[in-house]
């Protein structure tokens, strides 16, 4: 976010005029600055202009799924492909778990199913604005080496190092193999959960419920796709992972120190 005394800036991408008017009124009453686009192409034009310095600076994007032209899934995918990692809250009338997971796989960070309570929307926005600073009050040291003393369910600090790699939770970055990768909030949320539970087998159902808050039986391929991306960031050879291990038929296990196995 910008300076502490500045209003948070939101981009609302919503084509239903009556809904957009009501949201803008209430969001501005809560102290937010709101830009509004009625379609995905216009939003992408603002966020990804030919000249990078001309890009609209926003703190959170409120993105409807059913838009004319490019839908919300496509907009989110194109933003992430262009390395734009502004948090995205998807507003969707399609509340099926597979649609929610498709949104996560496209790069969104949270979702809200229409119709929604205004107080819930405000709480979600505030949560997303806080989430980038989630480690500011961490009780542990800022940096910690993974090793035999890593505890199941332990809270990690701003930086977590293992096997020559460093995860910067606050800035959503991984420094590994001589380069830096930027992650979305959802990617980092999944990695964080695995890191905080080292060596423990994490079932896909647990990831759905604890990380993504999806409580129904559904297709888990979105989780597999997230793991594939995380492996590209941290493994020497993603096809032969040593840190993010698949436990066939169950889920995944984070192994910070393969030599200790």
Protein backbone atom coordinates (compact mmCIF):
# COMPACT_ATOMS: atom_id res chain seq x y z
CA UNK A 1 0.00 0.00 0.00
CA UNK A 2 1.04 3.59 -0.41
CA UNK A 3 1.90 5.95 2.43
CA UNK A 4 0.16 5.33 5.72
CA UNK A 5 -1.92 8.50 5.47
CA UNK A 6 -3.15 7.76 1.94
CA UNK A 7 -6.49 6.12 1.19
CA UNK A 8 -6.29 2.52 -0.02
CA UNK A 9 -7.04 2.39 -3.75
CA UNK A 10 -9.40 -0.25 -5.13
CA UNK A 11 -10.25 -1.21 -8.70
CA UNK A 12 -13.77 -2.57 -9.12
CA UNK A 13 -14.29 -4.55 -12.34
CA UNK A 14 -18.05 -5.09 -12.49
CA UNK A 15 -20.46 -4.76 -15.43
CA UNK A 16 -23.73 -4.74 -13.44
CA UNK A 17 -24.34 -1.01 -13.15
CA UNK A 18 -26.73 -1.07 -10.16
CA UNK A 19 -24.39 -3.32 -8.16
CA UNK A 20 -21.34 -1.25 -9.09
CA UNK A 21 -23.04 2.01 -8.04
CA UNK A 22 -23.95 0.59 -4.64
CA UNK A 23 -20.49 -0.85 -4.07
CA UNK A 24 -18.73 2.36 -5.05
CA UNK A 25 -20.94 4.39 -2.70
CA UNK A 26 -20.27 2.10 0.26
CA UNK A 27 -16.57 1.63 -0.45
CA UNK A 28 -16.00 5.38 -0.69
CA UNK A 29 -17.98 5.84 2.53
CA UNK A 30 -15.47 3.44 4.16
CA UNK A 31 -12.60 5.67 3.07
CA UNK A 32 -11.44 3.88 -0.07
CA UNK A 33 -10.60 5.49 -3.40
CA UNK A 34 -12.41 3.46 -6.08
CA UNK A 35 -11.78 3.17 -9.81
CA UNK A 36 -14.45 1.35 -11.82
CA UNK A 37 -14.24 -0.61 -15.05
CA UNK A 38 -17.17 -2.37 -16.69
CA UNK A 39 -15.11 -4.94 -18.62
CA UNK A 40 -11.88 -6.88 -18.45
CA UNK A 41 -10.23 -5.27 -21.46
CA UNK A 42 -10.50 -1.79 -19.96
CA UNK A 43 -9.16 -3.00 -16.60
CA UNK A 44 -6.20 -4.70 -18.28
CA UNK A 45 -5.54 -1.53 -20.27
CA UNK A 46 -5.32 0.47 -17.06
CA UNK A 47 -3.19 -2.07 -15.20
CA UNK A 48 -0.96 -3.19 -18.08
CA UNK A 49 -0.49 -0.14 -20.35
CA UNK A 50 2.22 -0.05 -23.05
CA UNK A 51 4.29 2.20 -20.80
CA UNK A 52 4.70 0.57 -17.39
CA UNK A 53 4.96 3.92 -15.62
CA UNK A 54 1.42 4.73 -16.78
CA UNK A 55 -0.11 1.74 -14.96
CA UNK A 56 -2.95 2.43 -12.56
CA UNK A 57 -1.68 1.96 -9.00
CA UNK A 58 -4.15 0.01 -6.88
CA UNK A 59 -4.00 -1.93 -3.62
CA UNK A 60 -6.78 -4.48 -4.23
CA UNK A 61 -8.76 -5.54 -7.30
CA UNK A 62 -12.43 -6.55 -6.92
CA UNK A 63 -13.00 -8.69 -9.99
CA UNK A 64 -16.31 -10.08 -11.22
CA UNK A 65 -16.19 -13.40 -13.07
CA UNK A 66 -18.97 -12.90 -15.61
CA UNK A 67 -17.77 -9.94 -17.67
CA UNK A 68 -18.37 -9.05 -21.31
CA UNK A 69 -15.40 -10.01 -23.47
CA UNK A 70 -12.62 -11.36 -21.29
CA UNK A 71 -14.03 -12.94 -18.16
CA UNK A 72 -12.54 -12.63 -14.69
CA UNK A 73 -10.53 -15.86 -14.98
CA UNK A 74 -8.79 -14.56 -18.10
CA UNK A 75 -8.16 -11.13 -16.58
CA UNK A 76 -6.55 -12.68 -13.49
CA UNK A 77 -4.44 -15.03 -15.60
CA UNK A 78 -3.17 -12.24 -17.85
CA UNK A 79 -2.28 -10.04 -14.87
CA UNK A 80 -0.27 -12.81 -13.22
CA UNK A 81 1.39 -13.75 -16.51
CA UNK A 82 2.51 -10.11 -16.78
CA UNK A 83 3.93 -10.28 -13.20
CA UNK A 84 1.25 -8.01 -11.78
CA UNK A 85 0.62 -9.38 -8.28
CA UNK A 86 -1.92 -6.92 -6.88
CA UNK A 87 -4.26 -8.92 -4.59
CA UNK A 88 -7.45 -9.97 -6.35
CA UNK A 89 -10.78 -10.62 -4.63
CA UNK A 90 -13.04 -12.43 -7.07
CA UNK A 91 -16.78 -11.69 -6.93
CA UNK A 92 -18.68 -14.60 -8.39
CA UNK A 93 -22.23 -15.89 -8.74
CA UNK A 94 -20.62 -19.23 -9.58
CA UNK A 95 -20.06 -20.67 -6.13
CA UNK A 96 -19.27 -24.25 -7.14
CA UNK A 97 -15.98 -25.46 -5.64
CA UNK A 98 -14.55 -26.22 -9.08
CA UNK A 99 -15.19 -22.61 -10.16
CA UNK A 100 -13.57 -21.31 -6.97
CA UNK A 101 -10.53 -23.50 -7.56
CA UNK A 102 -10.39 -22.36 -11.18
CA UNK A 103 -10.21 -18.81 -9.86
CA UNK A 104 -7.36 -19.72 -7.51
CA UNK A 105 -5.57 -21.45 -10.37
CA UNK A 106 -5.96 -18.25 -12.43
CA UNK A 107 -4.15 -16.31 -9.71
CA UNK A 108 -6.89 -14.78 -7.55
CA UNK A 109 -6.26 -14.49 -3.82
CA UNK A 110 -9.74 -14.74 -2.35
CA UNK A 111 -13.34 -15.08 -3.47
CA UNK A 112 -16.80 -13.98 -2.40
CA UNK A 113 -19.98 -15.56 -3.70
CA UNK A 114 -22.86 -13.32 -4.79
CA UNK A 115 -25.11 -12.24 -3.20
CA UNK A 116 -22.84 -11.25 -0.33
CA UNK A 117 -23.21 -9.24 2.86
CA UNK A 118 -21.53 -5.84 2.66
CA UNK A 119 -19.86 -6.31 6.04
CA UNK A 120 -18.26 -9.55 4.80
CA UNK A 121 -16.93 -7.76 1.72
CA UNK A 122 -15.41 -5.02 3.87
CA UNK A 123 -13.84 -7.60 6.16
CA UNK A 124 -12.31 -9.46 3.21
CA UNK A 125 -10.85 -6.26 1.76
CA UNK A 126 -9.36 -5.28 5.11
CA UNK A 127 -7.95 -8.76 5.47
CA UNK A 128 -6.27 -8.57 2.06
CA UNK A 129 -4.79 -5.18 2.89
CA UNK A 130 -3.40 -6.61 6.13
CA UNK A 131 -2.17 -9.85 4.65
CA UNK A 132 0.87 -8.32 2.96
CA UNK A 133 2.05 -7.31 6.41
CA UNK A 134 1.10 -10.59 8.11
CA UNK A 135 4.51 -11.07 9.72
CA UNK A 136 4.92 -7.63 11.30
CA UNK A 137 4.03 -9.00 14.73
CA UNK A 138 5.69 -12.41 14.37
CA UNK A 139 7.03 -13.57 17.74
CA UNK A 140 9.98 -15.50 16.31
CA UNK A 141 13.26 -14.12 14.93
CA UNK A 142 13.08 -12.63 11.46
CA UNK A 143 15.22 -15.34 9.93
CA UNK A 144 15.54 -18.99 10.80
CA UNK A 145 17.39 -21.94 9.32
CA UNK A 146 15.35 -25.09 8.78
CA UNK A 147 16.78 -28.10 10.53
CA UNK A 148 16.13 -30.77 13.11
CA UNK A 149 14.45 -28.28 15.43
CA UNK A 150 11.68 -27.36 12.96
CA UNK A 151 8.40 -27.97 14.76
CA UNK A 152 5.11 -29.09 13.28
CA UNK A 153 2.76 -26.14 13.17
CA UNK A 154 5.57 -23.69 14.00
CA UNK A 155 5.17 -20.04 13.02
CA UNK A 156 7.94 -18.80 10.76
CA UNK A 157 9.22 -15.24 10.61
CA UNK A 158 9.48 -12.87 7.67
CA UNK A 159 12.23 -14.97 6.11
CA UNK A 160 12.61 -18.74 6.13
CA UNK A 161 15.80 -20.30 4.77
CA UNK A 162 16.43 -23.88 3.74
CA UNK A 163 18.96 -25.59 1.46
CA UNK A 164 20.33 -22.29 0.13
CA UNK A 165 16.89 -20.87 -0.58
CA UNK A 166 15.13 -18.04 1.24
CA UNK A 167 11.38 -17.44 1.33
CA UNK A 168 10.50 -13.79 1.96
CA UNK A 169 6.91 -14.04 3.19
CA UNK A 170 6.37 -10.30 3.67
CA UNK A 171 7.39 -9.42 0.10
CA UNK A 172 5.98 -12.60 -1.50
CA UNK A 173 9.35 -13.60 -2.94
CA UNK A 174 11.54 -16.68 -3.14
CA UNK A 175 15.27 -16.24 -3.59
CA UNK A 176 16.61 -19.49 -5.01
CA UNK A 177 19.23 -20.75 -7.43
CA UNK A 178 20.56 -17.26 -8.14
CA UNK A 179 17.26 -15.61 -9.03
CA UNK A 180 14.14 -14.18 -7.42
CA UNK A 181 10.56 -15.29 -8.09
CA UNK A 182 7.45 -13.33 -7.10
CA UNK A 183 4.48 -15.32 -5.82
CA UNK A 184 0.79 -14.59 -5.52
CA UNK A 185 -0.81 -14.51 -2.09
CA UNK A 186 -2.40 -17.91 -2.76
CA UNK A 187 0.89 -19.48 -3.83
CA UNK A 188 2.65 -18.07 -0.79
CA UNK A 189 -0.22 -19.12 1.46
CA UNK A 190 0.13 -22.72 0.32
CA UNK A 191 3.92 -22.68 0.63
CA UNK A 192 3.67 -21.10 4.07
CA UNK A 193 1.32 -23.83 5.28
CA UNK A 194 3.69 -26.53 4.06
CA UNK A 195 6.72 -24.80 5.57
CA UNK A 196 4.97 -24.46 8.93
CA UNK A 197 4.30 -28.22 8.87
CA UNK A 198 7.67 -29.67 7.80
CA UNK A 199 7.95 -33.41 7.11
CA UNK A 200 4.25 -33.95 7.81
CA UNK A 201 2.06 -35.40 5.08
CA UNK A 202 -0.58 -32.78 4.23
CA UNK A 203 -3.71 -34.20 2.65
CA UNK A 204 -5.26 -32.35 -0.28
CA UNK A 205 -8.51 -32.07 1.70
CA UNK A 206 -6.60 -30.32 4.50
CA UNK A 207 -5.17 -27.82 2.02
CA UNK A 208 -8.64 -27.12 0.64
CA UNK A 209 -10.04 -26.48 4.11
CA UNK A 210 -7.15 -24.85 5.97
CA UNK A 211 -5.57 -22.79 3.19
CA UNK A 212 -8.40 -22.08 0.75
CA UNK A 213 -11.50 -22.50 2.97
CA UNK A 214 -13.23 -24.81 0.48
CA UNK A 215 -15.21 -27.31 2.54
CA UNK A 216 -16.74 -29.52 -0.11
CA UNK A 217 -15.46 -32.57 -1.94
CA UNK A 218 -14.20 -31.36 -5.29
CA UNK A 219 -11.54 -31.77 -7.92
CA UNK A 220 -8.12 -31.17 -6.40
CA UNK A 221 -6.20 -30.62 -9.63
CA UNK A 222 -5.82 -26.93 -8.83
CA UNK A 223 -3.67 -27.91 -5.82
CA UNK A 224 -1.51 -30.08 -8.05
CA UNK A 225 -1.03 -27.15 -10.43
CA UNK A 226 0.04 -24.91 -7.54
CA UNK A 227 2.57 -27.52 -6.41
CA UNK A 228 3.97 -27.75 -9.95
CA UNK A 229 4.53 -23.98 -9.95
CA UNK A 230 6.12 -23.97 -6.50
CA UNK A 231 8.50 -26.72 -7.60
CA UNK A 232 9.63 -24.56 -10.50
CA UNK A 233 10.57 -21.89 -7.98
CA UNK A 234 12.50 -23.96 -5.43
CA UNK A 235 13.61 -27.30 -6.88
CA UNK A 236 16.92 -27.91 -8.69
CA UNK A 237 15.04 -30.27 -10.99
CA UNK A 238 11.24 -29.85 -10.77
CA UNK A 239 10.74 -33.26 -12.39
CA UNK A 240 12.69 -34.87 -9.53
CA UNK A 241 11.60 -32.89 -6.46
CA UNK A 242 13.51 -33.17 -3.20
CA UNK A 243 11.63 -30.58 -1.13
CA UNK A 244 7.97 -30.65 -2.24
CA UNK A 245 7.24 -34.36 -2.29
CA UNK A 246 4.11 -36.11 -3.53
CA UNK A 247 2.63 -38.74 -1.24
CA UNK A 248 0.68 -40.77 -3.76
CA UNK A 249 -3.03 -40.93 -3.12
CA UNK A 250 -2.83 -38.59 -0.13
CA UNK A 251 -1.19 -35.22 -0.67
CA UNK A 252 2.18 -33.52 -0.19
CA UNK A 253 5.06 -33.22 2.24
CA UNK A 254 7.60 -30.43 2.64
CA UNK A 255 11.12 -31.73 3.28
CA UNK A 256 13.53 -28.87 4.12
CA UNK A 257 16.59 -31.11 4.48
CA UNK A 258 16.48 -34.13 2.11
CA UNK A 259 19.89 -35.36 3.36
CA UNK A 260 18.31 -36.03 6.77
CA UNK A 261 15.90 -38.62 5.37
